[in-house]
């Protein structure tokens, strides 16, 4: 999932350089959503790992 976030980030940067504002904004928004979703999954898995280790 992190790979998709990085892919959309690269697409947003390339589209921004080429002047496609709408495409760059959309790709940037998708990359941001995927990044925060990945971050939430990371935190959840760390918490679950701590609870499993404690018991």
N, C-alpha and C. Protein backbone atom coordinates (compact mmCIF):
# COMPACT_ATOMS: atom_id res chain seq x y z
N UNK A 1 0.84 -1.19 0.00
CA UNK A 1 0.00 0.00 0.00
C UNK A 1 0.88 1.25 0.00
N UNK A 2 2.00 1.17 0.68
CA UNK A 2 2.90 2.32 0.67
C UNK A 2 3.45 2.58 -0.73
N UNK A 3 3.60 1.51 -1.51
CA UNK A 3 4.08 1.68 -2.88
C UNK A 3 3.09 2.48 -3.71
N UNK A 4 1.78 2.26 -3.48
CA UNK A 4 0.77 3.03 -4.21
C UNK A 4 0.81 4.50 -3.81
N UNK A 5 1.03 4.76 -2.53
CA UNK A 5 1.12 6.15 -2.08
C UNK A 5 2.31 6.84 -2.73
N UNK A 6 3.44 6.15 -2.78
CA UNK A 6 4.62 6.73 -3.42
C UNK A 6 4.42 6.89 -4.93
N UNK A 7 3.73 5.94 -5.55
CA UNK A 7 3.44 6.05 -6.98
C UNK A 7 2.59 7.28 -7.28
N UNK A 8 1.53 7.48 -6.50
CA UNK A 8 0.68 8.65 -6.72
C UNK A 8 1.41 9.94 -6.39
N UNK A 9 2.34 9.89 -5.43
CA UNK A 9 3.14 11.08 -5.14
C UNK A 9 4.01 11.44 -6.33
N UNK A 10 4.63 10.46 -6.95
CA UNK A 10 5.46 10.71 -8.13
C UNK A 10 4.61 11.22 -9.28
N UNK A 11 3.43 10.64 -9.47
CA UNK A 11 2.52 11.12 -10.52
C UNK A 11 2.13 12.56 -10.26
N UNK A 12 1.87 12.90 -9.00
CA UNK A 12 1.49 14.27 -8.67
C UNK A 12 2.63 15.24 -8.95
N UNK A 13 3.85 14.84 -8.63
CA UNK A 13 5.00 15.73 -8.86
C UNK A 13 5.22 15.93 -10.36
N UNK A 14 5.17 14.84 -11.13
CA UNK A 14 5.36 14.95 -12.58
C UNK A 14 4.25 15.79 -13.21
N UNK A 15 3.01 15.56 -12.79
CA UNK A 15 1.90 16.33 -13.35
C UNK A 15 2.00 17.80 -12.95
N UNK A 16 2.47 18.06 -11.75
CA UNK A 16 2.65 19.45 -11.31
C UNK A 16 3.71 20.17 -12.11
N UNK A 17 4.81 19.47 -12.41
CA UNK A 17 5.88 20.06 -13.21
C UNK A 17 5.41 20.34 -14.63
N UNK A 18 4.59 19.45 -15.17
CA UNK A 18 4.10 19.63 -16.53
C UNK A 18 2.93 20.61 -16.62
N UNK A 19 2.40 21.03 -15.48
CA UNK A 19 1.35 22.03 -15.50
C UNK A 19 -0.06 21.50 -15.47
N UNK A 20 -0.24 20.24 -15.20
CA UNK A 20 -1.58 19.67 -15.11
C UNK A 20 -2.05 19.78 -13.66
N UNK A 21 -2.63 20.90 -13.31
CA UNK A 21 -3.00 21.16 -11.92
C UNK A 21 -4.06 20.23 -11.37
N UNK A 22 -5.07 19.93 -12.16
CA UNK A 22 -6.15 19.07 -11.68
C UNK A 22 -5.69 17.65 -11.43
N UNK A 23 -4.89 17.13 -12.36
CA UNK A 23 -4.37 15.77 -12.20
C UNK A 23 -3.41 15.71 -11.02
N UNK A 24 -2.57 16.73 -10.88
CA UNK A 24 -1.61 16.75 -9.78
C UNK A 24 -2.33 16.82 -8.44
N UNK A 25 -3.38 17.61 -8.36
CA UNK A 25 -4.13 17.72 -7.12
C UNK A 25 -4.82 16.42 -6.75
N UNK A 26 -5.39 15.76 -7.74
CA UNK A 26 -6.07 14.49 -7.50
C UNK A 26 -5.08 13.42 -7.07
N UNK A 27 -3.97 13.30 -7.78
CA UNK A 27 -2.97 12.30 -7.44
C UNK A 27 -2.36 12.58 -6.07
N UNK A 28 -2.16 13.84 -5.75
CA UNK A 28 -1.64 14.20 -4.44
C UNK A 28 -2.63 13.84 -3.33
N UNK A 29 -3.90 14.07 -3.57
CA UNK A 29 -4.92 13.71 -2.59
C UNK A 29 -5.00 12.21 -2.35
N UNK A 30 -4.91 11.44 -3.44
CA UNK A 30 -4.93 9.98 -3.31
C UNK A 30 -3.70 9.50 -2.55
N UNK A 31 -2.54 10.06 -2.86
CA UNK A 31 -1.30 9.68 -2.17
C UNK A 31 -1.40 10.00 -0.68
N UNK A 32 -1.99 11.13 -0.36
CA UNK A 32 -2.12 11.52 1.04
C UNK A 32 -3.06 10.57 1.79
N UNK A 33 -4.17 10.22 1.18
CA UNK A 33 -5.12 9.29 1.80
C UNK A 33 -4.47 7.93 2.02
N UNK A 34 -3.76 7.42 1.00
CA UNK A 34 -3.10 6.12 1.13
C UNK A 34 -2.00 6.15 2.19
N UNK A 35 -1.28 7.25 2.28
CA UNK A 35 -0.23 7.36 3.29
C UNK A 35 -0.81 7.31 4.69
N UNK A 36 -1.87 8.07 4.94
CA UNK A 36 -2.45 8.06 6.29
C UNK A 36 -3.13 6.74 6.60
N UNK A 37 -3.69 6.08 5.60
CA UNK A 37 -4.26 4.76 5.80
C UNK A 37 -3.16 3.77 6.18
N UNK A 38 -2.02 3.83 5.49
CA UNK A 38 -0.88 2.99 5.82
C UNK A 38 -0.38 3.28 7.22
N UNK A 39 -0.32 4.54 7.58
CA UNK A 39 0.13 4.93 8.91
C UNK A 39 -0.81 4.39 9.98
N UNK A 40 -2.11 4.44 9.74
CA UNK A 40 -3.08 3.90 10.70
C UNK A 40 -2.91 2.39 10.86
N UNK A 41 -2.70 1.68 9.75
CA UNK A 41 -2.47 0.23 9.82
C UNK A 41 -1.19 -0.08 10.59
N UNK A 42 -0.17 0.73 10.43
CA UNK A 42 1.07 0.54 11.15
C UNK A 42 0.85 0.68 12.66
N UNK A 43 0.16 1.73 13.07
CA UNK A 43 -0.10 1.95 14.50
C UNK A 43 -0.94 0.81 15.07
N UNK A 44 -1.96 0.38 14.34
CA UNK A 44 -2.81 -0.71 14.81
C UNK A 44 -2.00 -2.00 14.96
N UNK A 45 -1.15 -2.30 13.99
CA UNK A 45 -0.35 -3.53 14.08
C UNK A 45 0.66 -3.45 15.21
N UNK A 46 1.22 -2.27 15.49
CA UNK A 46 2.13 -2.13 16.62
C UNK A 46 1.41 -2.34 17.95
N UNK A 47 0.23 -1.80 18.07
CA UNK A 47 -0.55 -1.97 19.29
C UNK A 47 -0.92 -3.43 19.50
N UNK A 48 -1.36 -4.10 18.45
CA UNK A 48 -1.71 -5.52 18.55
C UNK A 48 -0.47 -6.34 18.91
N UNK A 49 0.68 -6.00 18.34
CA UNK A 49 1.92 -6.69 18.65
C UNK A 49 2.33 -6.51 20.10
N UNK A 50 2.11 -5.33 20.66
CA UNK A 50 2.44 -5.10 22.07
C UNK A 50 1.53 -5.91 22.99
N UNK A 51 0.26 -6.01 22.65
CA UNK A 51 -0.67 -6.78 23.47
C UNK A 51 -0.36 -8.27 23.40
N UNK A 52 0.03 -8.76 22.24
CA UNK A 52 0.36 -10.18 22.09
C UNK A 52 1.64 -10.52 22.84
N UNK A 53 2.59 -9.61 22.83
CA UNK A 53 3.86 -9.85 23.51
C UNK A 53 3.67 -9.84 25.02
N UNK A 54 2.77 -9.00 25.51
CA UNK A 54 2.55 -8.88 26.95
C UNK A 54 1.88 -10.10 27.54
N UNK A 55 1.05 -10.79 26.75
CA UNK A 55 0.31 -11.92 27.31
C UNK A 55 0.94 -13.26 27.04
